[in-house]
PDB file of all heavy atoms in Angstrom:
ATOM      1  N   PHE A   1      97.932 143.712 140.215  1.00  0.00           N
ATOM      2  CA  PHE A   1      98.599 144.708 140.980  1.00  0.00           C
ATOM      3  C   PHE A   1     100.099 144.665 140.719  1.00  0.00           C
ATOM      4  O   PHE A   1     100.731 145.785 140.595  1.00  0.00           O
ATOM      5  CB  PHE A   1      98.274 144.520 142.470  1.00  0.00           C
ATOM      6  CG  PHE A   1      99.280 145.149 143.393  1.00  0.00           C
ATOM      7  CD1 PHE A   1      99.166 146.500 143.736  1.00  0.00           C
ATOM      8  CD2 PHE A   1     100.308 144.458 143.929  1.00  0.00           C
ATOM      9  CE1 PHE A   1     100.055 147.116 144.626  1.00  0.00           C
ATOM     10  CE2 PHE A   1     101.227 145.002 144.830  1.00  0.00           C
ATOM     11  CZ  PHE A   1     101.099 146.383 145.119  1.00  0.00           C
ATOM     12  N   GLU A   2     100.690 143.534 140.680  1.00  0.00           N
ATOM     13  CA  GLU A   2     102.120 143.368 140.518  1.00  0.00           C
ATOM     14  C   GLU A   2     102.608 143.982 139.219  1.00  0.00           C
ATOM     15  O   GLU A   2     103.660 144.533 139.129  1.00  0.00           O
ATOM     16  CB  GLU A   2     102.481 141.906 140.666  1.00  0.00           C
ATOM     17  CG  GLU A   2     102.378 141.323 142.043  1.00  0.00           C
ATOM     18  CD  GLU A   2     100.892 140.938 142.403  1.00  0.00           C
ATOM     19  OE1 GLU A   2      99.971 141.102 141.536  1.00  0.00           O
ATOM     20  OE2 GLU A   2     100.661 140.602 143.581  1.00  0.00           O
ATOM     21  N   ASP A   3     101.822 143.827 138.151  1.00  0.00           N
ATOM     22  CA  ASP A   3     102.143 144.415 136.881  1.00  0.00           C
ATOM     23  C   ASP A   3     102.044 145.951 136.902  1.00  0.00           C
ATOM     24  O   ASP A   3     102.911 146.580 136.346  1.00  0.00           O
ATOM     25  CB  ASP A   3     101.191 143.928 135.775  1.00  0.00           C
ATOM     26  CG  ASP A   3     101.330 142.392 135.545  1.00  0.00           C
ATOM     27  OD1 ASP A   3     102.422 141.842 135.799  1.00  0.00           O
ATOM     28  OD2 ASP A   3     100.300 141.771 135.168  1.00  0.00           O
ATOM     29  N   LEU A   4     101.107 146.431 137.627  1.00  0.00           N
ATOM     30  CA  LEU A   4     100.985 147.890 137.796  1.00  0.00           C
ATOM     31  C   LEU A   4     102.183 148.428 138.575  1.00  0.00           C
ATOM     32  O   LEU A   4     102.712 149.486 138.220  1.00  0.00           O
ATOM     33  CB  LEU A   4      99.675 148.281 138.507  1.00  0.00           C
ATOM     34  CG  LEU A   4      99.451 149.770 138.772  1.00  0.00           C
ATOM     35  CD1 LEU A   4      99.169 150.482 137.475  1.00  0.00           C
ATOM     36  CD2 LEU A   4      98.269 149.976 139.706  1.00  0.00           C
ATOM     37  N   ALA A   5     102.578 147.726 139.585  1.00  0.00           N
ATOM     38  CA  ALA A   5     103.752 148.228 140.380  1.00  0.00           C
ATOM     39  C   ALA A   5     105.090 148.159 139.643  1.00  0.00           C
ATOM     40  O   ALA A   5     105.862 149.048 139.762  1.00  0.00           O
ATOM     41  CB  ALA A   5     103.863 147.273 141.678  1.00  0.00           C
ATOM     42  N   LEU A   6     105.241 147.130 138.810  1.00  0.00           N
ATOM     43  CA  LEU A   6     106.487 147.000 138.022  1.00  0.00           C
ATOM     44  C   LEU A   6     106.458 147.771 136.686  1.00  0.00           C
ATOM     45  O   LEU A   6     107.493 148.383 136.316  1.00  0.00           O
ATOM     46  CB  LEU A   6     106.686 145.531 137.666  1.00  0.00           C
ATOM     47  CG  LEU A   6     107.165 144.608 138.825  1.00  0.00           C
ATOM     48  CD1 LEU A   6     107.164 143.156 138.383  1.00  0.00           C
ATOM     49  CD2 LEU A   6     108.473 145.054 139.395  1.00  0.00           C
ATOM     50  N   HIS A   7     105.320 147.883 136.020  1.00  0.00           N
ATOM     51  CA  HIS A   7     105.244 148.509 134.731  1.00  0.00           C
ATOM     52  C   HIS A   7     104.022 149.384 134.666  1.00  0.00           C
ATOM     53  O   HIS A   7     103.048 149.154 133.907  1.00  0.00           O
ATOM     54  CB  HIS A   7     105.163 147.448 133.614  1.00  0.00           C
ATOM     55  CG  HIS A   7     106.269 146.467 133.677  1.00  0.00           C
ATOM     56  ND1 HIS A   7     107.552 146.759 133.418  1.00  0.00           N
ATOM     57  CD2 HIS A   7     106.224 145.103 134.000  1.00  0.00           C
ATOM     58  CE1 HIS A   7     108.302 145.649 133.535  1.00  0.00           C
ATOM     59  NE2 HIS A   7     107.534 144.685 133.870  1.00  0.00           N
ATOM     60  N   PRO A   8     103.991 150.506 135.484  1.00  0.00           N
ATOM     61  CA  PRO A   8     102.802 151.332 135.552  1.00  0.00           C
ATOM     62  C   PRO A   8     102.391 151.933 134.209  1.00  0.00           C
ATOM     63  O   PRO A   8     101.153 151.950 133.855  1.00  0.00           O
ATOM     64  CB  PRO A   8     103.108 152.392 136.576  1.00  0.00           C
ATOM     65  CG  PRO A   8     104.611 152.404 136.623  1.00  0.00           C
ATOM     66  CD  PRO A   8     105.076 150.993 136.310  1.00  0.00           C
ATOM     67  N   GLU A   9     103.302 152.399 133.447  1.00  0.00           N
ATOM     68  CA  GLU A   9     102.950 153.002 132.156  1.00  0.00           C
ATOM     69  C   GLU A   9     102.367 151.971 131.201  1.00  0.00           C
ATOM     70  O   GLU A   9     101.352 152.293 130.509  1.00  0.00           O
ATOM     71  CB  GLU A   9     104.145 153.661 131.504  1.00  0.00           C
ATOM     72  CG  GLU A   9     103.839 154.490 130.311  1.00  0.00           C
ATOM     73  CD  GLU A   9     104.971 155.403 129.846  1.00  0.00           C
ATOM     74  OE1 GLU A   9     106.073 154.825 129.654  1.00  0.00           O
ATOM     75  OE2 GLU A   9     104.795 156.595 129.727  1.00  0.00           O
ATOM     76  N   ARG A  10     102.896 150.756 131.179  1.00  0.00           N
ATOM     77  CA  ARG A  10     102.376 149.771 130.309  1.00  0.00           C
ATOM     78  C   ARG A  10     100.929 149.394 130.707  1.00  0.00           C
ATOM     79  O   ARG A  10     100.048 149.242 129.848  1.00  0.00           O
ATOM     80  CB  ARG A  10     103.252 148.504 130.390  1.00  0.00           C
ATOM     81  CG  ARG A  10     102.970 147.396 129.397  1.00  0.00           C
ATOM     82  CD  ARG A  10     103.816 146.216 129.682  1.00  0.00           C
ATOM     83  NE  ARG A  10     105.283 146.561 129.602  1.00  0.00           N
ATOM     84  CZ  ARG A  10     106.218 145.721 129.957  1.00  0.00           C
ATOM     85  NH1 ARG A  10     105.949 144.490 130.396  1.00  0.00           N
ATOM     86  NH2 ARG A  10     107.470 146.111 129.872  1.00  0.00           N
ATOM     87  N   VAL A  11     100.677 149.219 131.983  1.00  0.00           N
ATOM     88  CA  VAL A  11      99.301 148.938 132.481  1.00  0.00           C
ATOM     89  C   VAL A  11      98.390 150.106 132.121  1.00  0.00           C
ATOM     90  O   VAL A  11      97.200 149.944 131.760  1.00  0.00           O
ATOM     91  CB  VAL A  11      99.311 148.576 133.932  1.00  0.00           C
ATOM     92  CG1 VAL A  11      97.846 148.411 134.473  1.00  0.00           C
ATOM     93  CG2 VAL A  11     100.102 147.258 134.160  1.00  0.00           C
ATOM     94  N   LEU A  12      98.852 151.308 132.377  1.00  0.00           N
ATOM     95  CA  LEU A  12      97.997 152.529 132.041  1.00  0.00           C
ATOM     96  C   LEU A  12      97.639 152.533 130.591  1.00  0.00           C
ATOM     97  O   LEU A  12      96.494 152.782 130.242  1.00  0.00           O
ATOM     98  CB  LEU A  12      98.728 153.784 132.460  1.00  0.00           C
ATOM     99  CG  LEU A  12      98.001 155.058 132.163  1.00  0.00           C
ATOM    100  CD1 LEU A  12      96.669 155.162 132.861  1.00  0.00           C
ATOM    101  CD2 LEU A  12      98.872 156.267 132.521  1.00  0.00           C
ATOM    102  N   HIS A  13      98.583 152.251 129.710  1.00  0.00           N
ATOM    103  CA  HIS A  13      98.286 152.248 128.293  1.00  0.00           C
ATOM    104  C   HIS A  13      97.216 151.138 127.955  1.00  0.00           C
ATOM    105  O   HIS A  13      96.334 151.375 127.054  1.00  0.00           O
ATOM    106  CB  HIS A  13      99.560 151.964 127.482  1.00  0.00           C
ATOM    107  CG  HIS A  13     100.508 153.168 127.469  1.00  0.00           C
ATOM    108  ND1 HIS A  13     101.788 153.073 126.965  1.00  0.00           N
ATOM    109  CD2 HIS A  13     100.310 154.416 127.947  1.00  0.00           C
ATOM    110  CE1 HIS A  13     102.348 154.275 127.117  1.00  0.00           C
ATOM    111  NE2 HIS A  13     101.490 155.066 127.685  1.00  0.00           N
ATOM    112  N   ARG A  14      97.312 150.073 128.647  1.00  0.00           N
ATOM    113  CA  ARG A  14      96.288 148.995 128.441  1.00  0.00           C
ATOM    114  C   ARG A  14      94.884 149.506 128.815  1.00  0.00           C
ATOM    115  O   ARG A  14      93.873 149.260 128.162  1.00  0.00           O
ATOM    116  CB  ARG A  14      96.684 147.777 129.210  1.00  0.00           C
ATOM    117  CG  ARG A  14      95.838 146.565 128.911  1.00  0.00           C
ATOM    118  CD  ARG A  14      96.308 145.289 129.632  1.00  0.00           C
ATOM    119  NE  ARG A  14      95.354 144.242 129.479  1.00  0.00           N
ATOM    120  CZ  ARG A  14      95.458 143.077 130.151  1.00  0.00           C
ATOM    121  NH1 ARG A  14      96.439 142.886 131.000  1.00  0.00           N
ATOM    122  NH2 ARG A  14      94.549 142.120 130.023  1.00  0.00           N
ATOM    123  N   CYS A  15      94.864 150.217 129.941  1.00  0.00           N
ATOM    124  CA  CYS A  15      93.551 150.809 130.397  1.00  0.00           C
ATOM    125  C   CYS A  15      93.063 151.812 129.377  1.00  0.00           C
ATOM    126  O   CYS A  15      91.819 151.879 129.146  1.00  0.00           O
ATOM    127  CB  CYS A  15      93.724 151.427 131.796  1.00  0.00           C
ATOM    128  SG  CYS A  15      94.067 150.256 133.096  1.00  0.00           S
ATOM    129  N   LEU A  16      93.957 152.669 128.888  1.00  0.00           N
ATOM    130  CA  LEU A  16      93.502 153.679 127.933  1.00  0.00           C
ATOM    131  C   LEU A  16      92.963 153.055 126.695  1.00  0.00           C
ATOM    132  O   LEU A  16      91.943 153.538 126.142  1.00  0.00           O
ATOM    133  CB  LEU A  16      94.687 154.646 127.567  1.00  0.00           C
ATOM    134  CG  LEU A  16      95.266 155.472 128.734  1.00  0.00           C
ATOM    135  CD1 LEU A  16      96.452 156.280 128.253  1.00  0.00           C
ATOM    136  CD2 LEU A  16      94.212 156.360 129.312  1.00  0.00           C
ATOM    137  N   ALA A  17      93.580 151.987 126.229  1.00  0.00           N
ATOM    138  CA  ALA A  17      93.054 151.273 125.009  1.00  0.00           C
ATOM    139  C   ALA A  17      91.662 150.701 125.391  1.00  0.00           C
ATOM    140  O   ALA A  17      90.745 150.724 124.526  1.00  0.00           O
ATOM    141  CB  ALA A  17      93.997 150.142 124.628  1.00  0.00           C
ATOM    142  N   PHE A  18      91.476 150.145 126.555  1.00  0.00           N
ATOM    143  CA  PHE A  18      90.140 149.588 126.963  1.00  0.00           C
ATOM    144  C   PHE A  18      89.144 150.682 126.992  1.00  0.00           C
ATOM    145  O   PHE A  18      87.924 150.468 126.718  1.00  0.00           O
ATOM    146  CB  PHE A  18      90.363 148.986 128.352  1.00  0.00           C
ATOM    147  CG  PHE A  18      89.074 148.520 129.016  1.00  0.00           C
ATOM    148  CD1 PHE A  18      88.357 147.495 128.498  1.00  0.00           C
ATOM    149  CD2 PHE A  18      88.686 149.117 130.198  1.00  0.00           C
ATOM    150  CE1 PHE A  18      87.165 147.027 129.142  1.00  0.00           C
ATOM    151  CE2 PHE A  18      87.520 148.666 130.849  1.00  0.00           C
ATOM    152  CZ  PHE A  18      86.759 147.640 130.259  1.00  0.00           C
ATOM    153  N   LEU A  19      89.506 151.938 127.357  1.00  0.00           N
ATOM    154  CA  LEU A  19      88.577 153.028 127.438  1.00  0.00           C
ATOM    155  C   LEU A  19      88.497 153.866 126.164  1.00  0.00           C
ATOM    156  O   LEU A  19      87.818 154.924 126.186  1.00  0.00           O
ATOM    157  CB  LEU A  19      88.991 153.951 128.638  1.00  0.00           C
ATOM    158  CG  LEU A  19      89.055 153.280 129.992  1.00  0.00           C
ATOM    159  CD1 LEU A  19      89.618 154.276 130.990  1.00  0.00           C
ATOM    160  CD2 LEU A  19      87.686 152.818 130.413  1.00  0.00           C
ATOM    161  N   ASP A  20      89.232 153.432 125.127  1.00  0.00           N
ATOM    162  CA  ASP A  20      89.213 154.149 123.852  1.00  0.00           C
ATOM    163  C   ASP A  20      89.752 155.577 124.019  1.00  0.00           C
ATOM    164  O   ASP A  20      89.255 156.550 123.390  1.00  0.00           O
ATOM    165  CB  ASP A  20      87.792 154.211 123.204  1.00  0.00           C
ATOM    166  CG  ASP A  20      87.306 152.841 122.895  1.00  0.00           C
ATOM    167  OD1 ASP A  20      88.096 151.964 122.402  1.00  0.00           O
ATOM    168  OD2 ASP A  20      86.103 152.554 123.092  1.00  0.00           O
ATOM    169  N   LEU A  21      90.806 155.736 124.820  1.00  0.00           N
ATOM    170  CA  LEU A  21      91.437 157.031 125.006  1.00  0.00           C
ATOM    171  C   LEU A  21      92.822 156.970 124.352  1.00  0.00           C
ATOM    172  O   LEU A  21      93.548 155.967 124.438  1.00  0.00           O
ATOM    173  CB  LEU A  21      91.546 157.325 126.457  1.00  0.00           C
ATOM    174  CG  LEU A  21      90.308 157.622 127.243  1.00  0.00           C
ATOM    175  CD1 LEU A  21      90.588 157.756 128.720  1.00  0.00           C
ATOM    176  CD2 LEU A  21      89.567 158.820 126.722  1.00  0.00           C
ATOM    177  N   GLU A  22      93.226 158.081 123.750  1.00  0.00           N
ATOM    178  CA  GLU A  22      94.500 158.151 123.111  1.00  0.00           C
ATOM    179  C   GLU A  22      95.653 158.377 124.109  1.00  0.00           C
ATOM    180  O   GLU A  22      95.517 159.087 125.059  1.00  0.00           O
ATOM    181  CB  GLU A  22      94.509 159.281 122.082  1.00  0.00           C
ATOM    182  CG  GLU A  22      94.364 160.685 122.660  1.00  0.00           C
ATOM    183  CD  GLU A  22      92.955 161.001 123.156  1.00  0.00           C
ATOM    184  OE1 GLU A  22      92.040 160.230 122.818  1.00  0.00           O
ATOM    185  OE2 GLU A  22      92.830 162.014 123.843  1.00  0.00           O
ATOM    186  N   ARG A  23      96.816 157.716 123.858  1.00  0.00           N
ATOM    187  CA  ARG A  23      97.954 157.922 124.778  1.00  0.00           C
ATOM    188  C   ARG A  23      98.479 159.319 124.677  1.00  0.00           C
ATOM    189  O   ARG A  23      99.072 159.824 125.616  1.00  0.00           O
ATOM    190  CB  ARG A  23      99.062 156.958 124.355  1.00  0.00           C
ATOM    191  CG  ARG A  23      98.758 155.479 124.505  1.00  0.00           C
ATOM    192  CD  ARG A  23      99.964 154.681 124.140  1.00  0.00           C
ATOM    193  NE  ARG A  23      99.698 153.233 124.059  1.00  0.00           N
ATOM    194  CZ  ARG A  23     100.624 152.333 123.789  1.00  0.00           C
ATOM    195  NH1 ARG A  23     101.851 152.687 123.572  1.00  0.00           N
ATOM    196  NH2 ARG A  23     100.257 151.037 123.730  1.00  0.00           N
ATOM    197  N   GLU A  24      98.267 159.937 123.562  1.00  0.00           N
ATOM    198  CA  GLU A  24      98.906 161.250 123.294  1.00  0.00           C
ATOM    199  C   GLU A  24      98.398 162.307 124.328  1.00  0.00           C
ATOM    200  O   GLU A  24      99.069 163.339 124.481  1.00  0.00           O
ATOM    201  CB  GLU A  24      98.643 161.695 121.891  1.00  0.00           C
ATOM    202  CG  GLU A  24      99.405 160.937 120.799  1.00  0.00           C
ATOM    203  CD  GLU A  24      98.853 159.489 120.591  1.00  0.00           C
ATOM    204  OE1 GLU A  24      97.639 159.276 120.959  1.00  0.00           O
ATOM    205  OE2 GLU A  24      99.610 158.675 120.098  1.00  0.00           O
ATOM    206  N   GLY A  25      97.309 162.026 124.963  1.00  0.00           N
ATOM    207  CA  GLY A  25      96.791 163.007 125.924  1.00  0.00           C
ATOM    208  C   GLY A  25      97.520 163.064 127.216  1.00  0.00           C
ATOM    209  O   GLY A  25      97.401 163.967 128.033  1.00  0.00           O
ATOM    210  N   LEU A  26      98.406 162.082 127.478  1.00  0.00           N
ATOM    211  CA  LEU A  26      99.150 162.052 128.747  1.00  0.00           C
ATOM    212  C   LEU A  26     100.237 163.069 128.783  1.00  0.00           C
ATOM    213  O   LEU A  26     100.879 163.356 127.735  1.00  0.00           O
ATOM    214  CB  LEU A  26      99.807 160.666 128.945  1.00  0.00           C
ATOM    215  CG  LEU A  26      98.790 159.521 129.161  1.00  0.00           C
ATOM    216  CD1 LEU A  26      99.505 158.174 129.127  1.00  0.00           C
ATOM    217  CD2 LEU A  26      98.037 159.712 130.509  1.00  0.00           C
ATOM    218  N   PRO A  27     100.445 163.711 129.892  1.00  0.00           N
ATOM    219  CA  PRO A  27     101.565 164.694 129.999  1.00  0.00           C
ATOM    220  C   PRO A  27     102.942 163.966 129.692  1.00  0.00           C
ATOM    221  O   PRO A  27     103.197 162.855 130.111  1.00  0.00           O
ATOM    222  CB  PRO A  27     101.553 165.166 131.474  1.00  0.00           C
ATOM    223  CG  PRO A  27     100.155 164.816 131.907  1.00  0.00           C
ATOM    224  CD  PRO A  27      99.759 163.592 131.106  1.00  0.00           C
ATOM    225  N   ALA A  28     103.771 164.672 129.037  1.00  0.00           N
ATOM    226  CA  ALA A  28     105.123 164.135 128.707  1.00  0.00           C
ATOM    227  C   ALA A  28     106.022 164.039 129.986  1.00  0.00           C
ATOM    228  O   ALA A  28     105.928 164.878 130.846  1.00  0.00           O
ATOM    229  CB  ALA A  28     105.830 165.016 127.659  1.00  0.00           C
ATOM    230  N   GLY A  29     106.750 162.955 130.081  1.00  0.00           N
ATOM    231  CA  GLY A  29     107.651 162.781 131.126  1.00  0.00           C
ATOM    232  C   GLY A  29     107.067 162.612 132.530  1.00  0.00           C
ATOM    233  O   GLY A  29     107.669 162.910 133.553  1.00  0.00           O
ATOM    234  N   ARG A  30     105.797 162.107 132.562  1.00  0.00           N
ATOM    235  CA  ARG A  30     105.140 161.969 133.874  1.00  0.00           C
ATOM    236  C   ARG A  30     105.714 160.845 134.651  1.00  0.00           C
ATOM    237  O   ARG A  30     106.326 159.890 134.129  1.00  0.00           O
ATOM    238  CB  ARG A  30     103.646 161.739 133.709  1.00  0.00           C
ATOM    239  CG  ARG A  30     103.343 160.412 133.027  1.00  0.00           C
ATOM    240  CD  ARG A  30     101.840 160.187 132.958  1.00  0.00           C
ATOM    241  NE  ARG A  30     101.211 160.184 134.340  1.00  0.00           N
ATOM    242  CZ  ARG A  30      99.963 159.964 134.594  1.00  0.00           C
ATOM    243  NH1 ARG A  30      99.117 159.777 133.599  1.00  0.00           N
ATOM    244  NH2 ARG A  30      99.513 160.005 135.810  1.00  0.00           N
ATOM    245  N   SER A  31     105.612 160.956 135.970  1.00  0.00           N
ATOM    246  CA  SER A  31     106.122 159.895 136.871  1.00  0.00           C
ATOM    247  C   SER A  31     104.929 159.085 137.420  1.00  0.00           C
ATOM    248  O   SER A  31     103.748 159.540 137.309  1.00  0.00           O
ATOM    249  CB  SER A  31     106.907 160.485 138.029  1.00  0.00           C
ATOM    250  OG  SER A  31     106.087 161.413 138.757  1.00  0.00           O
ATOM    251  N   TYR A  32     105.200 157.968 138.006  1.00  0.00           N
ATOM    252  CA  TYR A  32     104.118 157.105 138.505  1.00  0.00           C
ATOM    253  C   TYR A  32     104.392 156.698 139.947  1.00  0.00           C
ATOM    254  O   TYR A  32     104.762 155.539 140.245  1.00  0.00           O
ATOM    255  CB  TYR A  32     104.068 155.839 137.614  1.00  0.00           C
ATOM    256  CG  TYR A  32     103.650 156.151 136.192  1.00  0.00           C
ATOM    257  CD1 TYR A  32     104.645 156.440 135.208  1.00  0.00           C
ATOM    258  CD2 TYR A  32     102.295 156.242 135.780  1.00  0.00           C
ATOM    259  CE1 TYR A  32     104.243 156.741 133.916  1.00  0.00           C
ATOM    260  CE2 TYR A  32     101.934 156.508 134.564  1.00  0.00           C
ATOM    261  CZ  TYR A  32     102.886 156.793 133.574  1.00  0.00           C
ATOM    262  OH  TYR A  32     102.552 157.077 132.270  1.00  0.00           O
ATOM    263  N   PRO A  33     104.273 157.651 140.874  1.00  0.00           N
ATOM    264  CA  PRO A  33     104.480 157.268 142.307  1.00  0.00           C
ATOM    265  C   PRO A  33     103.386 156.348 142.825  1.00  0.00           C
ATOM    266  O   PRO A  33     102.258 156.453 142.356  1.00  0.00           O
ATOM    267  CB  PRO A  33     104.419 158.649 142.981  1.00  0.00           C
ATOM    268  CG  PRO A  33     103.535 159.500 142.092  1.00  0.00           C
ATOM    269  CD  PRO A  33     103.849 159.029 140.721  1.00  0.00           C
ATOM    270  N   ALA A  34     103.716 155.463 143.761  1.00  0.00           N
ATOM    271  CA  ALA A  34     102.705 154.652 144.359  1.00  0.00           C
ATOM    272  C   ALA A  34     101.920 155.448 145.358  1.00  0.00           C
ATOM    273  O   ALA A  34     102.436 156.285 146.105  1.00  0.00           O
ATOM    274  CB  ALA A  34     103.395 153.507 145.091  1.00  0.00           C
ATOM    275  N   HIS A  35     100.589 155.250 145.356  1.00  0.00           N
ATOM    276  CA  HIS A  35      99.696 156.016 146.253  1.00  0.00           C
ATOM    277  C   HIS A  35      99.121 155.061 147.321  1.00  0.00           C
ATOM    278  O   HIS A  35      99.010 153.844 147.095  1.00  0.00           O
ATOM    279  CB  HIS A  35      98.531 156.591 145.429  1.00  0.00           C
ATOM    280  CG  HIS A  35      98.954 157.658 144.481  1.00  0.00           C
ATOM    281  ND1 HIS A  35      98.687 158.999 144.727  1.00  0.00           N
ATOM    282  CD2 HIS A  35      99.555 157.587 143.275  1.00  0.00           C
ATOM    283  CE1 HIS A  35      99.159 159.705 143.716  1.00  0.00           C
ATOM    284  NE2 HIS A  35      99.678 158.836 142.816  1.00  0.00           N
ATOM    285  N   ASN A  36      98.753 155.658 148.453  1.00  0.00           N
ATOM    286  CA  ASN A  36      98.152 154.921 149.537  1.00  0.00           C
ATOM    287  C   ASN A  36      98.973 153.729 149.983  1.00  0.00           C
ATOM    288  O   ASN A  36      98.455 152.627 150.240  1.00  0.00           O
ATOM    289  CB  ASN A  36      96.733 154.449 149.133  1.00  0.00           C
ATOM    290  CG  ASN A  36      95.892 154.016 150.288  1.00  0.00           C
ATOM    291  OD1 ASN A  36      96.097 154.491 151.447  1.00  0.00           O
ATOM    292  ND2 ASN A  36      94.960 153.128 150.039  1.00  0.00           N
ATOM    293  N   VAL A  37     100.270 153.942 150.083  1.00  0.00           N
ATOM    294  CA  VAL A  37     101.215 152.854 150.519  1.00  0.00           C
ATOM    295  C   VAL A  37     101.039 152.637 151.990  1.00  0.00           C
ATOM    296  O   VAL A  37     100.991 153.575 152.816  1.00  0.00           O
ATOM    297  CB  VAL A  37     102.636 153.251 150.142  1.00  0.00           C
ATOM    298  CG1 VAL A  37     103.577 152.141 150.621  1.00  0.00           C
ATOM    299  CG2 VAL A  37     102.774 153.472 148.653  1.00  0.00           C
ATOM    300  N   GLY A  38     100.988 151.368 152.406  1.00  0.00           N
ATOM    301  CA  GLY A  38     100.854 151.067 153.814  1.00  0.00           C
ATOM    302  C   GLY A  38     102.063 151.494 154.582  1.00  0.00           C
ATOM    303  O   GLY A  38     103.221 151.473 154.130  1.00  0.00           O
ATOM    304  N   VAL A  39     101.835 151.896 155.855  1.00  0.00           N
ATOM    305  CA  VAL A  39     102.913 152.335 156.713  1.00  0.00           C
ATOM    306  C   VAL A  39     103.208 151.402 157.845  1.00  0.00           C
ATOM    307  O   VAL A  39     104.256 151.483 158.492  1.00  0.00           O
ATOM    308  CB  VAL A  39     102.710 153.796 157.217  1.00  0.00           C
ATOM    309  CG1 VAL A  39     102.643 154.772 156.110  1.00  0.00           C
ATOM    310  CG2 VAL A  39     101.356 153.828 158.067  1.00  0.00           C
ATOM    311  N   ALA A  40     102.271 150.566 158.164  1.00  0.00           N
ATOM    312  CA  ALA A  40     102.441 149.637 159.268  1.00  0.00           C
ATOM    313  C   ALA A  40     103.433 148.544 158.906  1.00  0.00           C
ATOM    314  O   ALA A  40     103.458 148.100 157.787  1.00  0.00           O
ATOM    315  CB  ALA A  40     101.098 148.986 159.662  1.00  0.00           C
ATOM    316  N   PRO A  41     104.325 148.097 159.830  1.00  0.00           N
ATOM    317  CA  PRO A  41     105.260 147.102 159.542  1.00  0.00           C
ATOM    318  C   PRO A  41     104.583 145.755 159.243  1.00  0.00           C
ATOM    319  O   PRO A  41     103.569 145.442 159.863  1.00  0.00           O
ATOM    320  CB  PRO A  41     106.150 147.041 160.812  1.00  0.00           C
ATOM    321  CG  PRO A  41     105.290 147.544 161.873  1.00  0.00           C
ATOM    322  CD  PRO A  41     104.389 148.551 161.246  1.00  0.00           C
ATOM    323  N   SER A  42     105.193 144.962 158.379  1.00  0.00           N
ATOM    324  CA  SER A  42     104.685 143.623 158.052  1.00  0.00           C
ATOM    325  C   SER A  42     105.028 142.672 159.181  1.00  0.00           C
ATOM    326  O   SER A  42     106.028 142.787 159.854  1.00  0.00           O
ATOM    327  CB  SER A  42     105.234 143.157 156.728  1.00  0.00           C
ATOM    328  OG  SER A  42     106.615 143.072 156.821  1.00  0.00           O
ATOM    329  N   GLN A  43     104.143 141.733 159.418  1.00  0.00           N
ATOM    330  CA  GLN A  43     104.331 140.713 160.385  1.00  0.00           C
ATOM    331  C   GLN A  43     104.520 139.347 159.660  1.00  0.00           C
ATOM    332  O   GLN A  43     103.645 138.895 158.961  1.00  0.00           O
ATOM    333  CB  GLN A  43     103.126 140.565 161.373  1.00  0.00           C
ATOM    334  CG  GLN A  43     102.857 141.828 162.162  1.00  0.00           C
ATOM    335  CD  GLN A  43     101.645 141.601 163.083  1.00  0.00           C
ATOM    336  OE1 GLN A  43     101.437 140.502 163.631  1.00  0.00           O
ATOM    337  NE2 GLN A  43     100.869 142.704 163.318  1.00  0.00           N
ATOM    338  N   PRO A  44     105.684 138.726 159.854  1.00  0.00           N
ATOM    339  CA  PRO A  44     105.905 137.403 159.169  1.00  0.00           C
ATOM    340  C   PRO A  44     104.933 136.397 159.780  1.00  0.00           C
ATOM    341  O   PRO A  44     104.566 136.421 160.937  1.00  0.00           O
ATOM    342  CB  PRO A  44     107.325 137.100 159.499  1.00  0.00           C
ATOM    343  CG  PRO A  44     107.667 137.865 160.743  1.00  0.00           C
ATOM    344  CD  PRO A  44     106.823 139.132 160.619  1.00  0.00           C
ATOM    345  N   ILE A  45     104.393 135.463 158.924  1.00  0.00           N
ATOM    346  CA  ILE A  45     103.556 134.418 159.411  1.00  0.00           C
ATOM    347  C   ILE A  45     104.237 133.092 159.218  1.00  0.00           C
ATOM    348  O   ILE A  45     105.148 132.917 158.402  1.00  0.00           O
ATOM    349  CB  ILE A  45     102.180 134.448 158.749  1.00  0.00           C
ATOM    350  CG1 ILE A  45     102.329 134.216 157.243  1.00  0.00           C
ATOM    351  CG2 ILE A  45     101.473 135.776 159.008  1.00  0.00           C
ATOM    352  CD1 ILE A  45     100.982 133.969 156.570  1.00  0.00           C
TER     353      ILE A  45
END
């Protein structure tokens, strides 16, 4: 997860290689917003 958060495009390219999909199919200049981000405050333990 941490690699995806820091380097989403790099991890995505690794997935595409695993799935035998070409990178060229991705839209140019795309962004990588985080999805399903938690909204509840963290509680220190």
